[in-house]
């Protein structure tokens, strides 16, 4: 039982960090902005 809880916590932790890795797919220019290639829009963060 204890190992199942530990495995679940470890899996949730890994998923939380993986979601952050996919949050933004492109680099930004010197102004902190980039173009969204799907919509053509340009925005800053």
C-alpha atoms as a PDB file:
ATOM      1  CA  UNK A   1       0.000   0.000   0.000  1.00  0.00           C
ATOM      2  CA  UNK A   2       2.779   2.411   0.927  1.00  0.00           C
ATOM      3  CA  UNK A   3       4.631   1.747  -2.332  1.00  0.00           C
ATOM      4  CA  UNK A   4       1.446   2.324  -4.360  1.00  0.00           C
ATOM      5  CA  UNK A   5       0.981   5.745  -2.755  1.00  0.00           C
ATOM      6  CA  UNK A   6       4.628   6.587  -3.362  1.00  0.00           C
ATOM      7  CA  UNK A   7       4.327   5.527  -7.010  1.00  0.00           C
ATOM      8  CA  UNK A   8       1.194   7.655  -7.449  1.00  0.00           C
ATOM      9  CA  UNK A   9       2.877  10.709  -5.921  1.00  0.00           C
ATOM     10  CA  UNK A  10       5.941  10.200  -8.119  1.00  0.00           C
ATOM     11  CA  UNK A  11       3.787   9.864 -11.253  1.00  0.00           C
ATOM     12  CA  UNK A  12       1.819  13.017 -10.452  1.00  0.00           C
ATOM     13  CA  UNK A  13       5.028  14.934  -9.799  1.00  0.00           C
ATOM     14  CA  UNK A  14       6.482  13.860 -13.140  1.00  0.00           C
ATOM     15  CA  UNK A  15       3.272  14.807 -14.940  1.00  0.00           C
ATOM     16  CA  UNK A  16       3.291  18.245 -13.335  1.00  0.00           C
ATOM     17  CA  UNK A  17       6.818  18.939 -14.586  1.00  0.00           C
ATOM     18  CA  UNK A  18       6.085  17.497 -18.036  1.00  0.00           C
ATOM     19  CA  UNK A  19       3.107  19.845 -18.470  1.00  0.00           C
ATOM     20  CA  UNK A  20       5.379  22.831 -17.885  1.00  0.00           C
ATOM     21  CA  UNK A  21       7.799  21.640 -20.529  1.00  0.00           C
ATOM     22  CA  UNK A  22       5.099  21.718 -23.205  1.00  0.00           C
ATOM     23  CA  UNK A  23       3.533  25.005 -22.112  1.00  0.00           C
ATOM     24  CA  UNK A  24       5.440  27.090 -24.649  1.00  0.00           C
ATOM     25  CA  UNK A  25       6.759  25.675 -27.893  1.00  0.00           C
ATOM     26  CA  UNK A  26       8.830  28.518 -29.319  1.00  0.00           C
ATOM     27  CA  UNK A  27      11.625  30.882 -28.524  1.00  0.00           C
ATOM     28  CA  UNK A  28      11.213  34.611 -28.116  1.00  0.00           C
ATOM     29  CA  UNK A  29      13.035  37.486 -29.768  1.00  0.00           C
ATOM     30  CA  UNK A  30      15.019  40.201 -27.990  1.00  0.00           C
ATOM     31  CA  UNK A  31      11.745  41.881 -26.950  1.00  0.00           C
ATOM     32  CA  UNK A  32      10.335  38.711 -25.381  1.00  0.00           C
ATOM     33  CA  UNK A  33       7.880  38.304 -28.265  1.00  0.00           C
ATOM     34  CA  UNK A  34       7.228  35.673 -30.902  1.00  0.00           C
ATOM     35  CA  UNK A  35       4.946  34.794 -33.823  1.00  0.00           C
ATOM     36  CA  UNK A  36       2.299  32.110 -33.433  1.00  0.00           C
ATOM     37  CA  UNK A  37       2.861  30.031 -36.559  1.00  0.00           C
ATOM     38  CA  UNK A  38      -0.674  28.588 -36.495  1.00  0.00           C
ATOM     39  CA  UNK A  39      -2.492  31.932 -36.439  1.00  0.00           C
ATOM     40  CA  UNK A  40       0.183  34.324 -37.673  1.00  0.00           C
ATOM     41  CA  UNK A  41      -0.296  36.505 -34.598  1.00  0.00           C
ATOM     42  CA  UNK A  42       2.615  38.229 -32.883  1.00  0.00           C
ATOM     43  CA  UNK A  43       2.556  38.635 -29.113  1.00  0.00           C
ATOM     44  CA  UNK A  44       4.798  39.282 -26.127  1.00  0.00           C
ATOM     45  CA  UNK A  45       5.109  37.570 -22.750  1.00  0.00           C
END
